[in-house]
């Protein structure tokens, strides 16, 4: 009898485009709402949207890491 091979896990490509995992394991993402309807948003709000930030929610971190198995 040979060894049973486990299936390879697939990376969710939509999540891979939106999130990056740092070397220390933190997850970085960008704010939503920065692509259109910018004329009605204040400059301060647009600056905050553009900045990268660390994902804080423990539940979301767990979900994102599960969807990016080889990162």
Protein backbone atom coordinates (compact mmCIF):
# COMPACT_ATOMS: atom_id res chain seq x y z
CA UNK A 1 0.00 0.00 0.00
CA UNK A 2 1.24 3.46 -0.95
CA UNK A 3 0.93 6.62 1.04
CA UNK A 4 -2.30 8.56 0.77
CA UNK A 5 -1.71 11.99 -0.76
CA UNK A 6 -3.63 14.94 0.57
CA UNK A 7 -5.07 17.43 -1.85
CA UNK A 8 -3.30 20.70 -2.41
CA UNK A 9 -5.09 23.69 -0.90
CA UNK A 10 -6.15 26.38 -3.33
CA UNK A 11 -5.37 30.05 -2.71
CA UNK A 12 -8.37 32.39 -3.00
CA UNK A 13 -7.06 34.78 -5.65
CA UNK A 14 -9.47 37.59 -4.74
CA UNK A 15 -8.11 37.56 -1.17
CA UNK A 16 -4.49 37.34 -2.38
CA UNK A 17 -4.99 40.58 -4.35
CA UNK A 18 -6.49 42.48 -1.42
CA UNK A 19 -4.33 41.36 1.51
CA UNK A 20 -0.60 40.89 2.11
CA UNK A 21 0.96 38.93 4.97
CA UNK A 22 4.09 40.47 6.48
CA UNK A 23 7.13 38.53 7.65
CA UNK A 24 5.88 38.66 11.23
CA UNK A 25 2.44 37.30 10.25
CA UNK A 26 0.44 40.53 10.34
CA UNK A 27 -2.11 41.11 7.59
CA UNK A 28 -2.04 44.42 5.72
CA UNK A 29 -4.94 45.82 3.69
CA UNK A 30 -6.07 49.08 2.11
CA UNK A 31 -9.26 50.97 2.90
CA UNK A 32 -12.36 50.57 0.77
CA UNK A 33 -13.89 53.41 -1.23
CA UNK A 34 -10.83 54.97 -2.84
CA UNK A 35 -11.56 54.33 -6.50
CA UNK A 36 -14.57 56.49 -7.44
CA UNK A 37 -16.93 59.23 -6.16
CA UNK A 38 -13.90 61.00 -4.69
CA UNK A 39 -15.09 64.56 -5.30
CA UNK A 40 -17.55 64.45 -2.41
CA UNK A 41 -14.99 63.00 0.03
CA UNK A 42 -12.76 65.27 2.07
CA UNK A 43 -8.98 65.30 1.54
CA UNK A 44 -8.47 63.93 5.04
CA UNK A 45 -10.83 61.04 4.36
CA UNK A 46 -9.14 60.24 1.03
CA UNK A 47 -5.71 60.19 2.70
CA UNK A 48 -6.96 57.76 5.33
CA UNK A 49 -8.46 55.49 2.66
CA UNK A 50 -5.16 55.32 0.72
CA UNK A 51 -3.03 54.25 3.69
CA UNK A 52 -2.25 50.61 4.33
CA UNK A 53 -3.33 49.34 7.71
CA UNK A 54 -3.10 46.18 9.78
CA UNK A 55 -6.12 43.91 10.10
CA UNK A 56 -7.21 43.87 13.77
CA UNK A 57 -10.20 41.52 14.06
CA UNK A 58 -9.09 38.07 15.23
CA UNK A 59 -11.93 36.37 13.36
CA UNK A 60 -11.04 38.13 10.10
CA UNK A 61 -7.34 37.29 10.53
CA UNK A 62 -8.21 33.62 10.95
CA UNK A 63 -10.43 33.68 7.84
CA UNK A 64 -7.86 35.44 5.65
CA UNK A 65 -5.03 33.13 6.73
CA UNK A 66 -7.18 30.10 5.92
CA UNK A 67 -7.80 31.45 2.42
CA UNK A 68 -4.06 32.08 1.85
CA UNK A 69 -2.56 28.69 2.77
CA UNK A 70 0.93 29.13 1.25
CA UNK A 71 1.67 32.73 2.18
